[in-house]
Amino acid sequence: LLGQYALGKQTNGEIAQIFGWYETLNLGIEFDRLFQESIEAVTPDMALEVARNYLTGPYISIVRPQN
């Protein structure tokens, strides 16, 4: 995930685009560092717990027009 994230910031234009997006969302450019630190902090056990909570049991979603 972080490798792909880094590859998306190779040119000045790509960096400007992502930093501009962060500013648009009122996250500030420091979010770039915080995002990476947050991803690095995820442990295998944390990912497994989330998977067990949200990816268990069968679910069916029906999407149709309201009327």
Protein backbone atom coordinates (compact mmCIF):
# COMPACT_ATOMS: atom_id res chain seq x y z
CA LEU A 1 0.00 0.00 0.00
CA LEU A 2 2.72 2.46 0.94
CA GLY A 3 4.75 1.54 -2.13
CA GLN A 4 1.85 2.38 -4.42
CA TYR A 5 1.26 5.57 -2.45
CA ALA A 6 4.89 6.61 -2.97
CA LEU A 7 4.73 5.79 -6.68
CA GLY A 8 1.79 8.17 -7.00
CA LYS A 9 3.99 11.06 -5.88
CA GLN A 10 6.91 10.92 -8.30
CA THR A 11 6.46 14.14 -10.21
CA ASN A 12 6.00 17.70 -9.04
CA GLY A 13 2.53 17.65 -10.58
CA GLU A 14 1.51 14.51 -8.68
CA ILE A 15 2.83 15.94 -5.41
CA ALA A 16 1.03 19.24 -6.03
CA GLN A 17 -2.18 17.40 -6.82
CA ILE A 18 -2.17 15.30 -3.66
CA PHE A 19 -1.14 18.19 -1.41
CA GLY A 20 -3.82 20.34 -3.01
CA TRP A 21 -6.37 17.60 -2.35
CA TYR A 22 -5.33 17.44 1.30
CA GLU A 23 -5.72 21.20 1.58
CA THR A 24 -9.14 21.01 -0.07
CA LEU A 25 -10.18 18.49 2.59
CA ASN A 26 -8.75 20.74 5.34
CA LEU A 27 -6.24 18.05 6.29
CA GLY A 28 -3.11 20.11 5.62
CA ILE A 29 -0.01 18.83 3.89
CA GLU A 30 1.19 17.23 7.14
CA PHE A 31 -1.49 14.59 6.50
CA ASP A 32 0.93 13.05 3.99
CA ARG A 33 3.24 12.04 6.84
CA LEU A 34 0.40 11.17 9.24
CA PHE A 35 -1.22 8.88 6.66
CA GLN A 36 1.98 6.91 6.18
CA GLU A 37 2.57 6.64 9.93
CA SER A 38 -0.98 5.44 10.46
CA ILE A 39 -0.61 2.72 7.82
CA GLU A 40 2.73 1.61 9.28
CA ALA A 41 1.12 1.34 12.74
CA VAL A 42 -1.38 -1.30 11.59
CA THR A 43 -0.38 -4.73 12.85
CA PRO A 44 -1.41 -8.09 11.38
CA ASP A 45 -3.52 -8.69 14.49
CA MET A 46 -5.34 -5.39 13.98
CA ALA A 47 -6.08 -6.25 10.34
CA LEU A 48 -7.30 -9.71 11.35
CA GLU A 49 -9.63 -8.26 13.98
CA VAL A 50 -11.16 -5.87 11.45
CA ALA A 51 -11.58 -8.70 8.95
CA ARG A 52 -13.30 -10.87 11.55
CA ASN A 53 -15.67 -8.04 12.48
CA TYR A 54 -16.61 -6.91 8.99
CA LEU A 55 -15.92 -9.78 6.60
CA THR A 56 -17.73 -12.61 8.34
CA GLY A 57 -21.16 -13.95 7.68
CA PRO A 58 -23.04 -13.79 4.41
CA TYR A 59 -24.64 -10.52 3.45
CA ILE A 60 -26.97 -9.65 0.63
CA SER A 61 -27.46 -6.11 -0.61
CA ILE A 62 -30.34 -5.20 -2.84
CA VAL A 63 -30.08 -1.92 -4.70
CA ARG A 64 -33.09 -0.64 -6.59
CA PRO A 65 -34.86 2.61 -7.38
CA GLN A 66 -36.77 4.10 -4.45
CA ASN A 67 -40.22 3.88 -6.10
